């Protein structure tokens, strides 16, 4: 959210530069350029939010499916390769750790709150 706020602020600074130019072609150019670049960043950020939200929610469902499959396999003593199970657990826990880290950074606005409820697979 902070990033979008900064983009919006920079957009208004560019707008102010553009309007304050009073015939100075250089200020008019720079104000327009700042408005264009910050507007593009703002647009991309607003488009990326729902797309990333959908992707992370799908990955959360995959994580839960992996957890359930491993619990059933362990409970029923299915003769799965131990190494294959460990690799899948490691991959899933790495993904979860990365998502929780990014949730705590400035990029956290793009990651849904559901990620905080997940616990690593043991």
PDB file of N, CA and C in Angstrom:
ATOM      1  N   UNK A   1       0.826  -1.181   0.000  1.00  0.00           N
ATOM      2  CA  UNK A   1       0.000   0.000   0.000  1.00  0.00           C
ATOM      3  C   UNK A   1       0.871   1.245   0.000  1.00  0.00           C
ATOM      4  N   UNK A   2       2.009   1.175   0.686  1.00  0.00           N
ATOM      5  CA  UNK A   2       2.908   2.320   0.741  1.00  0.00           C
ATOM      6  C   UNK A   2       3.435   2.666  -0.641  1.00  0.00           C
ATOM      7  N   UNK A   3       3.713   1.635  -1.431  1.00  0.00           N
ATOM      8  CA  UNK A   3       4.247   1.860  -2.770  1.00  0.00           C
ATOM      9  C   UNK A   3       3.224   2.594  -3.630  1.00  0.00           C
ATOM     10  N   UNK A   4       1.966   2.179  -3.558  1.00  0.00           N
ATOM     11  CA  UNK A   4       0.928   2.856  -4.333  1.00  0.00           C
ATOM     12  C   UNK A   4       0.718   4.282  -3.850  1.00  0.00           C
ATOM     13  N   UNK A   5       0.829   4.492  -2.559  1.00  0.00           N
ATOM     14  CA  UNK A   5       0.720   5.847  -2.017  1.00  0.00           C
ATOM     15  C   UNK A   5       1.849   6.740  -2.503  1.00  0.00           C
ATOM     16  N   UNK A   6       3.047   6.194  -2.563  1.00  0.00           N
ATOM     17  CA  UNK A   6       4.192   6.959  -3.062  1.00  0.00           C
ATOM     18  C   UNK A   6       4.007   7.274  -4.540  1.00  0.00           C
ATOM     19  N   UNK A   7       3.538   6.294  -5.316  1.00  0.00           N
ATOM     20  CA  UNK A   7       3.275   6.532  -6.747  1.00  0.00           C
ATOM     21  C   UNK A   7       2.228   7.627  -6.936  1.00  0.00           C
ATOM     22  N   UNK A   8       1.192   7.603  -6.115  1.00  0.00           N
ATOM     23  CA  UNK A   8       0.150   8.621  -6.201  1.00  0.00           C
ATOM     24  C   UNK A   8       0.702   9.998  -5.842  1.00  0.00           C
ATOM     25  N   UNK A   9       1.523  10.058  -4.804  1.00  0.00           N
ATOM     26  CA  UNK A   9       2.145  11.323  -4.409  1.00  0.00           C
ATOM     27  C   UNK A   9       3.051  11.856  -5.515  1.00  0.00           C
ATOM     28  N   UNK A  10       3.867  10.990  -6.096  1.00  0.00           N
ATOM     29  CA  UNK A  10       4.751  11.403  -7.190  1.00  0.00           C
ATOM     30  C   UNK A  10       3.932  11.863  -8.394  1.00  0.00           C
ATOM     31  N   UNK A  11       2.804  11.203  -8.650  1.00  0.00           N
ATOM     32  CA  UNK A  11       1.931  11.618  -9.744  1.00  0.00           C
ATOM     33  C   UNK A  11       1.451  13.050  -9.524  1.00  0.00           C
ATOM     34  N   UNK A  12       1.034  13.366  -8.300  1.00  0.00           N
ATOM     35  CA  UNK A  12       0.559  14.719  -8.014  1.00  0.00           C
ATOM     36  C   UNK A  12       1.688  15.739  -8.055  1.00  0.00           C
ATOM     37  N   UNK A  13       2.891  15.343  -7.684  1.00  0.00           N
ATOM     38  CA  UNK A  13       4.053  16.244  -7.812  1.00  0.00           C
ATOM     39  C   UNK A  13       4.287  16.548  -9.287  1.00  0.00           C
ATOM     40  N   UNK A  14       4.213  15.525 -10.135  1.00  0.00           N
ATOM     41  CA  UNK A  14       4.347  15.745 -11.575  1.00  0.00           C
ATOM     42  C   UNK A  14       3.247  16.632 -12.111  1.00  0.00           C
ATOM     43  N   UNK A  15       2.023  16.456 -11.614  1.00  0.00           N
ATOM     44  CA  UNK A  15       0.900  17.304 -12.028  1.00  0.00           C
ATOM     45  C   UNK A  15       1.158  18.755 -11.625  1.00  0.00           C
ATOM     46  N   UNK A  16       1.656  18.927 -10.391  1.00  0.00           N
ATOM     47  CA  UNK A  16       1.954  20.285  -9.923  1.00  0.00           C
ATOM     48  C   UNK A  16       3.078  20.913 -10.747  1.00  0.00           C
ATOM     49  N   UNK A  17       4.096  20.137 -11.071  1.00  0.00           N
ATOM     50  CA  UNK A  17       5.178  20.655 -11.921  1.00  0.00           C
ATOM     51  C   UNK A  17       4.654  21.056 -13.293  1.00  0.00           C
ATOM     52  N   UNK A  18       3.789  20.242 -13.817  1.00  0.00           N
ATOM     53  CA  UNK A  18       3.224  20.513 -15.134  1.00  0.00           C
ATOM     54  C   UNK A  18       2.399  21.796 -15.112  1.00  0.00           C
ATOM     55  N   UNK A  19       1.601  21.990 -14.086  1.00  0.00           N
ATOM     56  CA  UNK A  19       0.752  23.184 -13.996  1.00  0.00           C
ATOM     57  C   UNK A  19       1.545  24.432 -13.606  1.00  0.00           C
ATOM     58  N   UNK A  20       2.657  24.250 -12.880  1.00  0.00           N
ATOM     59  CA  UNK A  20       3.447  25.394 -12.428  1.00  0.00           C
ATOM     60  C   UNK A  20       4.447  25.865 -13.479  1.00  0.00           C
ATOM     61  N   UNK A  21       4.471  25.223 -14.625  1.00  0.00           N
ATOM     62  CA  UNK A  21       5.508  25.524 -15.618  1.00  0.00           C
ATOM     63  C   UNK A  21       5.391  26.947 -16.166  1.00  0.00           C
ATOM     64  N   UNK A  22       4.182  27.460 -16.317  1.00  0.00           N
ATOM     65  CA  UNK A  22       3.941  28.824 -16.794  1.00  0.00           C
ATOM     66  C   UNK A  22       4.784  29.172 -18.021  1.00  0.00           C
ATOM     67  N   UNK A  23       4.752  28.277 -18.979  1.00  0.00           N
ATOM     68  CA  UNK A  23       5.450  28.550 -20.220  1.00  0.00           C
ATOM     69  C   UNK A  23       6.881  28.038 -20.265  1.00  0.00           C
ATOM     70  N   UNK A  24       7.383  27.494 -19.174  1.00  0.00           N
ATOM     71  CA  UNK A  24       8.730  26.920 -19.198  1.00  0.00           C
ATOM     72  C   UNK A  24       8.604  25.519 -19.777  1.00  0.00           C
ATOM     73  N   UNK A  25       9.134  25.347 -20.944  1.00  0.00           N
ATOM     74  CA  UNK A  25       8.983  24.069 -21.622  1.00  0.00           C
ATOM     75  C   UNK A  25       9.663  22.932 -20.867  1.00  0.00           C
ATOM     76  N   UNK A  26      10.765  23.242 -20.198  1.00  0.00           N
ATOM     77  CA  UNK A  26      11.508  22.184 -19.490  1.00  0.00           C
ATOM     78  C   UNK A  26      10.697  21.626 -18.329  1.00  0.00           C
ATOM     79  N   UNK A  27      10.093  22.509 -17.520  1.00  0.00           N
ATOM     80  CA  UNK A  27       9.271  22.033 -16.399  1.00  0.00           C
ATOM     81  C   UNK A  27       8.036  21.302 -16.903  1.00  0.00           C
ATOM     82  N   UNK A  28       7.482  21.775 -17.991  1.00  0.00           N
ATOM     83  CA  UNK A  28       6.316  21.130 -18.574  1.00  0.00           C
ATOM     84  C   UNK A  28       6.663  19.706 -19.015  1.00  0.00           C
ATOM     85  N   UNK A  29       7.838  19.539 -19.631  1.00  0.00           N
ATOM     86  CA  UNK A  29       8.292  18.213 -20.064  1.00  0.00           C
ATOM     87  C   UNK A  29       8.502  17.289 -18.877  1.00  0.00           C
ATOM     88  N   UNK A  30       9.242  17.759 -17.854  1.00  0.00           N
ATOM     89  CA  UNK A  30       9.544  16.904 -16.702  1.00  0.00           C
ATOM     90  C   UNK A  30       8.292  16.569 -15.905  1.00  0.00           C
ATOM     91  N   UNK A  31       7.399  17.521 -15.772  1.00  0.00           N
ATOM     92  CA  UNK A  31       6.138  17.241 -15.071  1.00  0.00           C
ATOM     93  C   UNK A  31       5.324  16.178 -15.793  1.00  0.00           C
ATOM     94  N   UNK A  32       5.252  16.289 -17.131  1.00  0.00           N
ATOM     95  CA  UNK A  32       4.533  15.279 -17.915  1.00  0.00           C
ATOM     96  C   UNK A  32       5.190  13.919 -17.828  1.00  0.00           C
ATOM     97  N   UNK A  33       6.532  13.898 -17.858  1.00  0.00           N
ATOM     98  CA  UNK A  33       7.260  12.630 -17.762  1.00  0.00           C
ATOM     99  C   UNK A  33       7.037  11.969 -16.403  1.00  0.00           C
ATOM    100  N   UNK A  34       7.105  12.740 -15.335  1.00  0.00           N
ATOM    101  CA  UNK A  34       6.881  12.204 -13.986  1.00  0.00           C
ATOM    102  C   UNK A  34       5.453  11.678 -13.858  1.00  0.00           C
ATOM    103  N   UNK A  35       4.498  12.411 -14.409  1.00  0.00           N
ATOM    104  CA  UNK A  35       3.101  11.958 -14.363  1.00  0.00           C
ATOM    105  C   UNK A  35       2.924  10.646 -15.133  1.00  0.00           C
ATOM    106  N   UNK A  36       3.557  10.564 -16.294  1.00  0.00           N
ATOM    107  CA  UNK A  36       3.422   9.359 -17.103  1.00  0.00           C
ATOM    108  C   UNK A  36       4.037   8.142 -16.414  1.00  0.00           C
ATOM    109  N   UNK A  37       5.254   8.294 -15.907  1.00  0.00           N
ATOM    110  CA  UNK A  37       5.937   7.164 -15.271  1.00  0.00           C
ATOM    111  C   UNK A  37       5.237   6.725 -13.987  1.00  0.00           C
ATOM    112  N   UNK A  38       4.875   7.669 -13.141  1.00  0.00           N
ATOM    113  CA  UNK A  38       4.214   7.290 -11.889  1.00  0.00           C
ATOM    114  C   UNK A  38       2.810   6.761 -12.157  1.00  0.00           C
ATOM    115  N   UNK A  39       2.139   7.291 -13.161  1.00  0.00           N
ATOM    116  CA  UNK A  39       0.819   6.770 -13.530  1.00  0.00           C
ATOM    117  C   UNK A  39       0.914   5.334 -14.029  1.00  0.00           C
ATOM    118  N   UNK A  40       1.962   5.034 -14.812  1.00  0.00           N
ATOM    119  CA  UNK A  40       2.165   3.663 -15.297  1.00  0.00           C
ATOM    120  C   UNK A  40       2.445   2.722 -14.121  1.00  0.00           C
ATOM    121  N   UNK A  41       3.281   3.155 -13.180  1.00  0.00           N
ATOM    122  CA  UNK A  41       3.575   2.324 -11.998  1.00  0.00           C
ATOM    123  C   UNK A  41       2.310   2.101 -11.166  1.00  0.00           C
ATOM    124  N   UNK A  42       1.514   3.129 -11.011  1.00  0.00           N
ATOM    125  CA  UNK A  42       0.266   3.019 -10.270  1.00  0.00           C
ATOM    126  C   UNK A  42      -0.687   2.038 -10.957  1.00  0.00           C
ATOM    127  N   UNK A  43      -0.806   2.132 -12.265  1.00  0.00           N
ATOM    128  CA  UNK A  43      -1.664   1.241 -13.030  1.00  0.00           C
ATOM    129  C   UNK A  43      -1.199  -0.205 -12.905  1.00  0.00           C
ATOM    130  N   UNK A  44       0.098  -0.436 -13.066  1.00  0.00           N
ATOM    131  CA  UNK A  44       0.649  -1.794 -12.968  1.00  0.00           C
ATOM    132  C   UNK A  44       0.430  -2.361 -11.566  1.00  0.00           C
ATOM    133  N   UNK A  45       0.654  -1.537 -10.549  1.00  0.00           N
ATOM    134  CA  UNK A  45       0.451  -1.991  -9.172  1.00  0.00           C
ATOM    135  C   UNK A  45      -0.986  -2.380  -8.886  1.00  0.00           C
ATOM    136  N   UNK A  46      -1.924  -1.608  -9.419  1.00  0.00           N
ATOM    137  CA  UNK A  46      -3.339  -1.915  -9.193  1.00  0.00           C
ATOM    138  C   UNK A  46      -3.780  -3.146  -9.979  1.00  0.00           C
ATOM    139  N   UNK A  47      -3.184  -3.383 -11.128  1.00  0.00           N
ATOM    140  CA  UNK A  47      -3.508  -4.585 -11.904  1.00  0.00           C
ATOM    141  C   UNK A  47      -2.865  -5.820 -11.256  1.00  0.00           C
ATOM    142  N   UNK A  48      -1.656  -5.658 -10.722  1.00  0.00           N
ATOM    143  CA  UNK A  48      -0.921  -6.789 -10.148  1.00  0.00           C
ATOM    144  C   UNK A  48      -1.568  -7.301  -8.858  1.00  0.00           C
ATOM    145  N   UNK A  49      -2.243  -6.450  -8.110  1.00  0.00           N
ATOM    146  CA  UNK A  49      -2.830  -6.853  -6.825  1.00  0.00           C
ATOM    147  C   UNK A  49      -3.794  -8.033  -6.964  1.00  0.00           C
ATOM    148  N   UNK A  50      -4.837  -7.939  -7.791  1.00  0.00           N
ATOM    149  CA  UNK A  50      -5.753  -9.089  -7.865  1.00  0.00           C
ATOM    150  C   UNK A  50      -5.120 -10.320  -8.513  1.00  0.00           C
ATOM    151  N   UNK A  51      -4.216 -10.104  -9.463  1.00  0.00           N
ATOM    152  CA  UNK A  51      -3.573 -11.249 -10.114  1.00  0.00           C
ATOM    153  C   UNK A  51      -2.702 -12.014  -9.132  1.00  0.00           C
ATOM    154  N   UNK A  52      -1.906 -11.297  -8.354  1.00  0.00           N
ATOM    155  CA  UNK A  52      -1.050 -11.955  -7.371  1.00  0.00           C
ATOM    156  C   UNK A  52      -1.879 -12.582  -6.259  1.00  0.00           C
ATOM    157  N   UNK A  53      -2.955 -11.929  -5.886  1.00  0.00           N
ATOM    158  CA  UNK A  53      -3.844 -12.461  -4.856  1.00  0.00           C
ATOM    159  C   UNK A  53      -4.401 -13.816  -5.286  1.00  0.00           C
ATOM    160  N   UNK A  54      -4.828 -13.917  -6.551  1.00  0.00           N
ATOM    161  CA  UNK A  54      -5.346 -15.185  -7.060  1.00  0.00           C
ATOM    162  C   UNK A  54      -4.263 -16.253  -7.067  1.00  0.00           C
ATOM    163  N   UNK A  55      -3.058 -15.876  -7.480  1.00  0.00           N
ATOM    164  CA  UNK A  55      -1.962 -16.845  -7.555  1.00  0.00           C
ATOM    165  C   UNK A  55      -1.586 -17.376  -6.178  1.00  0.00           C
ATOM    166  N   UNK A  56      -1.498 -16.489  -5.202  1.00  0.00           N
ATOM    167  CA  UNK A  56      -1.113 -16.919  -3.853  1.00  0.00           C
ATOM    168  C   UNK A  56      -2.226 -17.757  -3.220  1.00  0.00           C
ATOM    169  N   UNK A  57      -3.471 -17.396  -3.440  1.00  0.00           N
ATOM    170  CA  UNK A  57      -4.576 -18.202  -2.895  1.00  0.00           C
ATOM    171  C   UNK A  57      -4.588 -19.609  -3.501  1.00  0.00           C
ATOM    172  N   UNK A  58      -4.278 -19.721  -4.782  1.00  0.00           N
ATOM    173  CA  UNK A  58      -4.184 -21.046  -5.409  1.00  0.00           C
ATOM    174  C   UNK A  58      -3.027 -21.836  -4.805  1.00  0.00           C
ATOM    175  N   UNK A  59      -1.902 -21.170  -4.545  1.00  0.00           N
ATOM    176  CA  UNK A  59      -0.751 -21.842  -3.942  1.00  0.00           C
ATOM    177  C   UNK A  59      -1.054 -22.259  -2.501  1.00  0.00           C
ATOM    178  N   UNK A  60      -1.874 -21.480  -1.799  1.00  0.00           N
ATOM    179  CA  UNK A  60      -2.281 -21.853  -0.438  1.00  0.00           C
ATOM    180  C   UNK A  60      -3.105 -23.145  -0.484  1.00  0.00           C
ATOM    181  N   UNK A  61      -4.006 -23.243  -1.452  1.00  0.00           N
ATOM    182  CA  UNK A  61      -4.808 -24.465  -1.598  1.00  0.00           C
ATOM    183  C   UNK A  61      -3.903 -25.656  -1.917  1.00  0.00           C
ATOM    184  N   UNK A  62      -2.895 -25.446  -2.744  1.00  0.00           N
ATOM    185  CA  UNK A  62      -1.941 -26.512  -3.067  1.00  0.00           C
ATOM    186  C   UNK A  62      -1.162 -26.935  -1.822  1.00  0.00           C
ATOM    187  N   UNK A  63      -0.769 -25.959  -1.002  1.00  0.00           N
ATOM    188  CA  UNK A  63      -0.054 -26.238   0.243  1.00  0.00           C
ATOM    189  C   UNK A  63      -0.917 -27.087   1.165  1.00  0.00           C
ATOM    190  N   UNK A  64      -2.188 -26.710   1.304  1.00  0.00           N
ATOM    191  CA  UNK A  64      -3.105 -27.472   2.158  1.00  0.00           C
ATOM    192  C   UNK A  64      -3.331 -28.881   1.613  1.00  0.00           C
ATOM    193  N   UNK A  65      -3.419 -29.008   0.296  1.00  0.00           N
ATOM    194  CA  UNK A  65      -3.589 -30.334  -0.310  1.00  0.00           C
ATOM    195  C   UNK A  65      -2.354 -31.197  -0.058  1.00  0.00           C
ATOM    196  N   UNK A  66      -1.194 -30.600  -0.134  1.00  0.00           N
ATOM    197  CA  UNK A  66       0.052 -31.327   0.147  1.00  0.00           C
ATOM    198  C   UNK A  66       0.074 -31.794   1.596  1.00  0.00           C
ATOM    199  N   UNK A  67      -0.314 -30.908   2.512  1.00  0.00           N
ATOM    200  CA  UNK A  67      -0.352 -31.262   3.935  1.00  0.00           C
ATOM    201  C   UNK A  67      -1.309 -32.433   4.171  1.00  0.00           C
ATOM    202  N   UNK A  68      -2.497 -32.363   3.594  1.00  0.00           N
ATOM    203  CA  UNK A  68      -3.493 -33.415   3.778  1.00  0.00           C
ATOM    204  C   UNK A  68      -3.018 -34.741   3.180  1.00  0.00           C
ATOM    205  N   UNK A  69      -2.436 -34.685   1.998  1.00  0.00           N
ATOM    206  CA  UNK A  69      -1.929 -35.900   1.355  1.00  0.00           C
ATOM    207  C   UNK A  69      -0.838 -36.548   2.193  1.00  0.00           C
ATOM    208  N   UNK A  70       0.062 -35.748   2.733  1.00  0.00           N
ATOM    209  CA  UNK A  70       1.146 -36.294   3.557  1.00  0.00           C
ATOM    210  C   UNK A  70       0.624 -36.875   4.860  1.00  0.00           C
ATOM    211  N   UNK A  71      -0.380 -36.226   5.457  1.00  0.00           N
ATOM    212  CA  UNK A  71      -0.963 -36.762   6.688  1.00  0.00           C
ATOM    213  C   UNK A  71      -1.631 -38.110   6.441  1.00  0.00           C
ATOM    214  N   UNK A  72      -2.373 -38.213   5.338  1.00  0.00           N
ATOM    215  CA  UNK A  72      -3.039 -39.474   4.997  1.00  0.00           C
ATOM    216  C   UNK A  72      -2.004 -40.548   4.704  1.00  0.00           C
ATOM    217  N   UNK A  73      -0.953 -40.204   3.970  1.00  0.00           N
ATOM    218  CA  UNK A  73       0.091 -41.171   3.624  1.00  0.00           C
ATOM    219  C   UNK A  73       0.806 -41.663   4.881  1.00  0.00           C
ATOM    220  N   UNK A  74       1.059 -40.765   5.821  1.00  0.00           N
ATOM    221  CA  UNK A  74       1.736 -41.170   7.061  1.00  0.00           C
ATOM    222  C   UNK A  74       0.815 -42.024   7.936  1.00  0.00           C
ATOM    223  N   UNK A  75      -0.475 -41.659   7.975  1.00  0.00           N
ATOM    224  CA  UNK A  75      -1.428 -42.374   8.812  1.00  0.00           C
ATOM    225  C   UNK A  75      -1.689 -43.782   8.286  1.00  0.00           C
ATOM    226  N   UNK A  76      -1.794 -43.931   6.980  1.00  0.00           N
ATOM    227  CA  UNK A  76      -2.101 -45.223   6.378  1.00  0.00           C
ATOM    228  C   UNK A  76      -0.859 -46.029   6.045  1.00  0.00           C
ATOM    229  N   UNK A  77       0.282 -45.523   6.384  1.00  0.00           N
ATOM    230  CA  UNK A  77       1.560 -46.191   6.132  1.00  0.00           C
ATOM    231  C   UNK A  77       1.706 -46.612   4.668  1.00  0.00           C
ATOM    232  N   UNK A  78       1.316 -45.717   3.790  1.00  0.00           N
ATOM    233  CA  UNK A  78       1.476 -45.982   2.361  1.00  0.00           C
ATOM    234  C   UNK A  78       2.968 -45.993   2.070  1.00  0.00           C
ATOM    235  N   UNK A  79       3.413 -46.980   1.314  1.00  0.00           N
ATOM    236  CA  UNK A  79       4.833 -47.149   1.060  1.00  0.00           C
ATOM    237  C   UNK A  79       5.406 -46.140   0.075  1.00  0.00           C
ATOM    238  N   UNK A  80       5.224 -44.880   0.367  1.00  0.00           N
ATOM    239  CA  UNK A  80       5.812 -43.855  -0.496  1.00  0.00           C
ATOM    240  C   UNK A  80       7.291 -43.725  -0.163  1.00  0.00           C
ATOM    241  N   UNK A  81       8.033 -43.313  -1.126  1.00  0.00           N
ATOM    242  CA  UNK A  81       9.454 -43.077  -0.893  1.00  0.00           C
ATOM    243  C   UNK A  81       9.625 -41.986   0.154  1.00  0.00           C
ATOM    244  N   UNK A  82      10.417 -42.256   1.143  1.00  0.00           N
ATOM    245  CA  UNK A  82      10.662 -41.278   2.201  1.00  0.00           C
ATOM    246  C   UNK A  82      11.333 -40.032   1.656  1.00  0.00           C
ATOM    247  N   UNK A  83      12.246 -40.219   0.729  1.00  0.00           N
ATOM    248  CA  UNK A  83      12.954 -39.069   0.154  1.00  0.00           C
ATOM    249  C   UNK A  83      12.000 -38.180  -0.628  1.00  0.00           C
ATOM    250  N   UNK A  84      11.064 -38.779  -1.360  1.00  0.00           N
ATOM    251  CA  UNK A  84      10.099 -37.990  -2.135  1.00  0.00           C
ATOM    252  C   UNK A  84       9.210 -37.161  -1.212  1.00  0.00           C
ATOM    253  N   UNK A  85       8.809 -37.752  -0.098  1.00  0.00           N
ATOM    254  CA  UNK A  85       7.990 -37.025   0.875  1.00  0.00           C
ATOM    255  C   UNK A  85       8.794 -35.870   1.465  1.00  0.00           C
ATOM    256  N   UNK A  86      10.025 -36.118   1.837  1.00  0.00           N
ATOM    257  CA  UNK A  86      10.851 -35.080   2.430  1.00  0.00           C
ATOM    258  C   UNK A  86      11.098 -33.936   1.462  1.00  0.00           C
ATOM    259  N   UNK A  87      11.310 -34.243   0.190  1.00  0.00           N
ATOM    260  CA  UNK A  87      11.539 -33.195  -0.807  1.00  0.00           C
ATOM    261  C   UNK A  87      10.291 -32.320  -0.947  1.00  0.00           C
ATOM    262  N   UNK A  88       9.126 -32.944  -1.012  1.00  0.00           N
ATOM    263  CA  UNK A  88       7.878 -32.181  -1.139  1.00  0.00           C
ATOM    264  C   UNK A  88       7.632 -31.323   0.093  1.00  0.00           C
ATOM    265  N   UNK A  89       7.911 -31.853   1.276  1.00  0.00           N
ATOM    266  CA  UNK A  89       7.753 -31.089   2.513  1.00  0.00           C
ATOM    267  C   UNK A  89       8.700 -29.895   2.522  1.00  0.00           C
ATOM    268  N   UNK A  90       9.935 -30.115   2.114  1.00  0.00           N
ATOM    269  CA  UNK A  90      10.921 -29.030   2.083  1.00  0.00           C
ATOM    270  C   UNK A  90      10.484 -27.938   1.107  1.00  0.00           C
ATOM    271  N   UNK A  91      10.038 -28.330  -0.087  1.00  0.00           N
ATOM    272  CA  UNK A  91       9.589 -27.352  -1.078  1.00  0.00           C
ATOM    273  C   UNK A  91       8.403 -26.542  -0.569  1.00  0.00           C
ATOM    274  N   UNK A  92       7.458 -27.218   0.042  1.00  0.00           N
ATOM    275  CA  UNK A  92       6.269 -26.532   0.555  1.00  0.00           C
ATOM    276  C   UNK A  92       6.629 -25.579   1.690  1.00  0.00           C
ATOM    277  N   UNK A  93       7.487 -26.009   2.586  1.00  0.00           N
ATOM    278  CA  UNK A  93       7.889 -25.147   3.698  1.00  0.00           C
ATOM    279  C   UNK A  93       8.738 -23.969   3.228  1.00  0.00           C
ATOM    280  N   UNK A  94       9.564 -24.171   2.192  1.00  0.00           N
ATOM    281  CA  UNK A  94      10.330 -23.052   1.624  1.00  0.00           C
ATOM    282  C   UNK A  94       9.387 -22.011   1.036  1.00  0.00           C
ATOM    283  N   UNK A  95       8.379 -22.476   0.305  1.00  0.00           N
ATOM    284  CA  UNK A  95       7.404 -21.555  -0.280  1.00  0.00           C
ATOM    285  C   UNK A  95       6.704 -20.763   0.818  1.00  0.00           C
ATOM    286  N   UNK A  96       6.289 -21.447   1.881  1.00  0.00           N
ATOM    287  CA  UNK A  96       5.602 -20.780   2.993  1.00  0.00           C
ATOM    288  C   UNK A  96       6.513 -19.758   3.666  1.00  0.00           C
ATOM    289  N   UNK A  97       7.763 -20.117   3.888  1.00  0.00           N
ATOM    290  CA  UNK A  97       8.699 -19.188   4.521  1.00  0.00           C
ATOM    291  C   UNK A  97       8.902 -17.943   3.658  1.00  0.00           C
ATOM    292  N   UNK A  98       9.016 -18.116   2.347  1.00  0.00           N
ATOM    293  CA  UNK A  98       9.171 -16.970   1.447  1.00  0.00           C
ATOM    294  C   UNK A  98       7.944 -16.069   1.487  1.00  0.00           C
ATOM    295  N   UNK A  99       6.765 -16.662   1.451  1.00  0.00           N
ATOM    296  CA  UNK A  99       5.538 -15.867   1.466  1.00  0.00           C
ATOM    297  C   UNK A  99       5.385 -15.097   2.773  1.00  0.00           C
ATOM    298  N   UNK A 100       5.711 -15.742   3.893  1.00  0.00           N
ATOM    299  CA  UNK A 100       5.614 -15.051   5.185  1.00  0.00           C
ATOM    300  C   UNK A 100       6.637 -13.918   5.285  1.00  0.00           C
ATOM    301  N   UNK A 101       7.816 -14.130   4.715  1.00  0.00           N
ATOM    302  CA  UNK A 101       8.823 -13.065   4.719  1.00  0.00           C
ATOM    303  C   UNK A 101       8.327 -11.869   3.908  1.00  0.00           C
ATOM    304  N   UNK A 102       7.858 -12.122   2.690  1.00  0.00           N
ATOM    305  CA  UNK A 102       7.407 -11.018   1.846  1.00  0.00           C
ATOM    306  C   UNK A 102       6.168 -10.337   2.420  1.00  0.00           C
ATOM    307  N   UNK A 103       5.352 -11.075   3.168  1.00  0.00           N
ATOM    308  CA  UNK A 103       4.193 -10.474   3.820  1.00  0.00           C
ATOM    309  C   UNK A 103       4.633  -9.438   4.859  1.00  0.00           C
ATOM    310  N   UNK A 104       5.824  -9.633   5.442  1.00  0.00           N
ATOM    311  CA  UNK A 104       6.305  -8.710   6.469  1.00  0.00           C
ATOM    312  C   UNK A 104       7.069  -7.526   5.882  1.00  0.00           C
ATOM    313  N   UNK A 105       7.235  -7.481   4.560  1.00  0.00           N
ATOM    314  CA  UNK A 105       7.964  -6.374   3.938  1.00  0.00           C
ATOM    315  C   UNK A 105       6.982  -5.379   3.330  1.00  0.00           C
ATOM    316  N   UNK A 106       7.524  -4.427   2.605  1.00  0.00           N
ATOM    317  CA  UNK A 106       6.704  -3.414   1.948  1.00  0.00           C
ATOM    318  C   UNK A 106       5.825  -4.025   0.860  1.00  0.00           C
ATOM    319  N   UNK A 107       6.197  -5.195   0.365  1.00  0.00           N
ATOM    320  CA  UNK A 107       5.432  -5.879  -0.680  1.00  0.00           C
ATOM    321  C   UNK A 107       4.275  -6.692  -0.105  1.00  0.00           C
ATOM    322  N   UNK A 108       4.088  -6.668   1.206  1.00  0.00           N
ATOM    323  CA  UNK A 108       3.079  -7.484   1.869  1.00  0.00           C
ATOM    324  C   UNK A 108       1.649  -7.190   1.463  1.00  0.00           C
ATOM    325  N   UNK A 109       1.389  -6.016   0.913  1.00  0.00           N
ATOM    326  CA  UNK A 109       0.035  -5.659   0.510  1.00  0.00           C
ATOM    327  C   UNK A 109      -0.475  -6.584  -0.587  1.00  0.00           C
ATOM    328  N   UNK A 110       0.429  -7.113  -1.385  1.00  0.00           N
ATOM    329  CA  UNK A 110       0.040  -7.966  -2.496  1.00  0.00           C
ATOM    330  C   UNK A 110      -0.185  -9.421  -2.073  1.00  0.00           C
ATOM    331  N   UNK A 111       0.115  -9.763  -0.835  1.00  0.00           N
ATOM    332  CA  UNK A 111      -0.030 -11.148  -0.361  1.00  0.00           C
ATOM    333  C   UNK A 111      -1.206 -11.197   0.608  1.00  0.00           C
ATOM    334  N   UNK A 112      -2.153 -12.116   0.398  1.00  0.00           N
ATOM    335  CA  UNK A 112      -3.346 -12.168   1.258  1.00  0.00           C
ATOM    336  C   UNK A 112      -3.015 -12.535   2.705  1.00  0.00           C
ATOM    337  N   UNK A 113      -3.902 -12.121   3.606  1.00  0.00           N
ATOM    338  CA  UNK A 113      -3.723 -12.372   5.038  1.00  0.00           C
ATOM    339  C   UNK A 113      -3.796 -13.857   5.390  1.00  0.00           C
ATOM    340  N   UNK A 114      -4.377 -14.676   4.512  1.00  0.00           N
ATOM    341  CA  UNK A 114      -4.521 -16.102   4.783  1.00  0.00           C
ATOM    342  C   UNK A 114      -3.179 -16.780   5.025  1.00  0.00           C
ATOM    343  N   UNK A 115      -2.130 -16.199   4.534  1.00  0.00           N
ATOM    344  CA  UNK A 115      -0.787 -16.813   4.629  1.00  0.00           C
ATOM    345  C   UNK A 115      -0.333 -16.890   6.086  1.00  0.00           C
ATOM    346  N   UNK A 116      -0.799 -15.955   6.914  1.00  0.00           N
ATOM    347  CA  UNK A 116      -0.375 -15.937   8.319  1.00  0.00           C
ATOM    348  C   UNK A 116      -0.951 -17.099   9.123  1.00  0.00           C
ATOM    349  N   UNK A 117      -2.050 -17.681   8.661  1.00  0.00           N
ATOM    350  CA  UNK A 117      -2.697 -18.771   9.389  1.00  0.00           C
ATOM    351  C   UNK A 117      -2.021 -20.119   9.125  1.00  0.00           C
ATOM    352  N   UNK A 118      -1.189 -20.191   8.103  1.00  0.00           N
ATOM    353  CA  UNK A 118      -0.550 -21.473   7.751  1.00  0.00           C
ATOM    354  C   UNK A 118       0.659 -21.758   8.642  1.00  0.00           C
ATOM    355  N   UNK A 119       0.826 -23.013   8.969  1.00  0.00           N
ATOM    356  CA  UNK A 119       1.976 -23.472   9.754  1.00  0.00           C
ATOM    357  C   UNK A 119       2.800 -24.412   8.885  1.00  0.00           C
ATOM    358  N   UNK A 120       4.114 -24.455   9.081  1.00  0.00           N
ATOM    359  CA  UNK A 120       4.954 -25.374   8.297  1.00  0.00           C
ATOM    360  C   UNK A 120       4.558 -26.832   8.514  1.00  0.00           C
ATOM    361  N   UNK A 121       4.784 -27.628   7.491  1.00  0.00           N
ATOM    362  CA  UNK A 121       4.503 -29.067   7.565  1.00  0.00           C
ATOM    363  C   UNK A 121       5.651 -29.732   8.330  1.00  0.00           C
ATOM    364  N   UNK A 122       5.303 -30.589   9.254  1.00  0.00           N
ATOM    365  CA  UNK A 122       6.344 -31.280  10.036  1.00  0.00           C
ATOM    366  C   UNK A 122       6.638 -32.642   9.444  1.00  0.00           C
TER     367      UNK A 122
END
